[in-house]
Amino acid sequence: MLGIPFGSALPRWMGQLALAMKGSNRSQGHLYSHNALEKMIRSCGFDSTRAYWAVPDMRYPKVFMSADARSVREGRQRLTCPQGPGRWVSRAMSAVPAGLVRHVAPGHCFVATKSNR
């Protein structure tokens, strides 16, 4: 976001303010919350969604773990790889409560299906 580290992770109003202070008004991208992404997917006609956590990250996943709290708790016991890309993120992700992983995981993805009506 125009030289603002982690700018796309700021609340939109704050990101726009930071851009304005740098003399620009165009954001290069947006991050969406888990709930907002799921809502967008369902608004496109998908009936069911399932969230996954790509561990350690989406670029080089070793595991796709279901992002519900129970699966995360069980999966963490079996993990033989870091929980995120890089030392800092891996340490932070190992401290995130299992029920919150789907809201903050760097490798968050969905599988969505439509019924044939």
Protein backbone atom coordinates (compact mmCIF):
# COMPACT_ATOMS: atom_id res chain seq x y z
CA MET A 1 0.00 0.00 0.00
CA LEU A 2 2.29 2.72 -1.36
CA GLY A 3 5.20 2.14 0.99
CA ILE A 4 3.07 1.78 4.11
CA PRO A 5 4.05 -1.54 5.72
CA PHE A 6 0.97 -3.64 6.47
CA GLY A 7 -1.18 -0.83 5.06
CA SER A 8 -3.74 -3.18 3.59
CA ALA A 9 -4.32 -4.65 7.07
CA LEU A 10 -5.37 -1.28 8.49
CA PRO A 11 -9.07 -0.46 8.87
CA ARG A 12 -10.13 1.10 5.56
CA TRP A 13 -10.70 4.57 6.99
CA MET A 14 -7.24 4.55 8.55
CA GLY A 15 -5.63 3.29 5.34
CA GLN A 16 -7.32 6.03 3.33
CA LEU A 17 -6.11 8.62 5.83
CA ALA A 18 -2.54 7.29 5.62
CA LEU A 19 -2.70 7.37 1.81
CA ALA A 20 -4.03 10.92 1.83
CA MET A 21 -1.15 11.96 4.09
CA LYS A 22 1.26 10.45 1.53
CA GLY A 23 -0.48 12.34 -1.30
CA SER A 24 -2.43 9.47 -2.85
CA ASN A 25 -6.00 8.20 -2.66
CA ARG A 26 -5.68 4.83 -4.40
CA SER A 27 -5.34 1.68 -2.34
CA GLN A 28 -3.54 -1.26 -3.96
CA GLY A 29 -5.65 -3.92 -2.26
CA HIS A 30 -7.88 -4.84 0.63
CA LEU A 31 -7.94 -7.59 3.19
CA TYR A 32 -11.29 -9.09 4.08
CA SER A 33 -12.28 -10.81 7.31
CA HIS A 34 -13.23 -14.47 7.41
CA ASN A 35 -16.90 -13.55 7.82
CA ALA A 36 -16.82 -11.00 4.98
CA LEU A 37 -15.17 -13.52 2.63
CA GLU A 38 -17.70 -16.20 3.50
CA LYS A 39 -20.56 -13.74 2.94
CA MET A 40 -19.13 -12.74 -0.46
CA ILE A 41 -18.81 -16.40 -1.50
CA ARG A 42 -22.38 -17.17 -0.45
CA SER A 43 -23.67 -14.06 -2.25
CA CYS A 44 -22.31 -15.61 -5.47
CA GLY A 45 -24.70 -18.54 -5.07
CA PHE A 46 -22.54 -21.07 -3.25
CA ASP A 47 -24.50 -23.17 -0.78
CA SER A 48 -21.77 -24.40 1.47
CA THR A 49 -18.32 -23.20 2.39
CA ARG A 50 -15.54 -24.80 4.33
CA ALA A 51 -12.56 -22.85 5.64
CA TYR A 52 -9.02 -24.23 5.66
CA TRP A 53 -5.66 -23.09 6.99
CA ALA A 54 -2.72 -23.71 4.64
CA VAL A 55 0.20 -24.46 6.95
CA PRO A 56 2.79 -22.96 7.02
CA ASP A 57 1.53 -20.67 4.24
CA MET A 58 -0.41 -20.65 0.97
CA ARG A 59 2.70 -20.45 -1.23
CA TYR A 60 4.23 -23.69 0.05
CA PRO A 61 1.57 -25.57 2.02
CA LYS A 62 2.54 -28.76 3.77
CA VAL A 63 -0.95 -29.25 5.27
CA PHE A 64 -4.45 -27.96 4.57
CA MET A 65 -6.12 -28.05 7.97
CA SER A 66 -9.82 -27.47 8.53
CA ALA A 67 -10.03 -24.09 10.27
CA ASP A 68 -12.63 -25.02 12.89
CA ALA A 69 -11.36 -24.89 16.48
CA ARG A 70 -11.45 -28.64 17.14
CA SER A 71 -9.53 -29.49 13.95
CA VAL A 72 -6.93 -26.81 14.69
CA ARG A 73 -6.39 -28.14 18.25
CA GLU A 74 -6.02 -31.71 16.96
CA GLY A 75 -3.90 -30.69 13.96
CA ARG A 76 -1.44 -28.69 16.05
CA GLN A 77 -0.59 -31.85 17.97
CA ARG A 78 0.38 -33.59 14.70
CA LEU A 79 2.17 -30.66 13.00
CA THR A 80 5.78 -31.29 12.10
CA CYS A 81 6.21 -27.95 10.30
CA PRO A 82 6.11 -24.30 11.45
CA GLN A 83 2.67 -22.72 11.90
CA GLY A 84 3.45 -19.78 9.63
CA PRO A 85 5.92 -18.36 7.14
CA GLY A 86 8.95 -17.21 9.09
CA ARG A 87 9.91 -17.40 12.73
CA TRP A 88 7.86 -14.44 13.97
CA VAL A 89 4.59 -15.47 12.30
CA SER A 90 5.07 -19.09 13.33
CA ARG A 91 5.49 -18.09 16.99
CA ALA A 92 2.52 -15.75 16.82
CA MET A 93 0.28 -18.38 15.17
CA SER A 94 1.20 -20.99 17.79
CA ALA A 95 -0.09 -18.57 20.45
CA VAL A 96 -3.39 -17.81 18.68
CA PRO A 97 -6.31 -19.66 20.32
CA ALA A 98 -7.64 -22.41 18.04
CA GLY A 99 -11.04 -20.72 17.71
CA LEU A 100 -9.45 -17.55 16.33
CA VAL A 101 -7.11 -19.13 13.77
CA ARG A 102 -9.65 -18.78 10.95
CA HIS A 103 -9.73 -15.03 11.59
CA VAL A 104 -5.96 -14.40 11.49
CA ALA A 105 -4.29 -17.28 9.59
CA PRO A 106 -1.98 -16.03 6.84
CA GLY A 107 -2.86 -19.02 4.66
CA HIS A 108 -6.64 -18.89 4.88
CA CYS A 109 -8.69 -20.41 2.07
CA PHE A 110 -12.19 -21.67 1.32
CA VAL A 111 -13.70 -24.52 -0.61
CA ALA A 112 -17.23 -23.71 -1.74
CA THR A 113 -19.85 -25.82 -3.48
CA LYS A 114 -23.09 -25.16 -5.35
CA SER A 115 -25.95 -27.60 -5.54
CA ASN A 116 -27.28 -28.56 -8.95
CA ARG A 117 -30.82 -27.22 -8.86
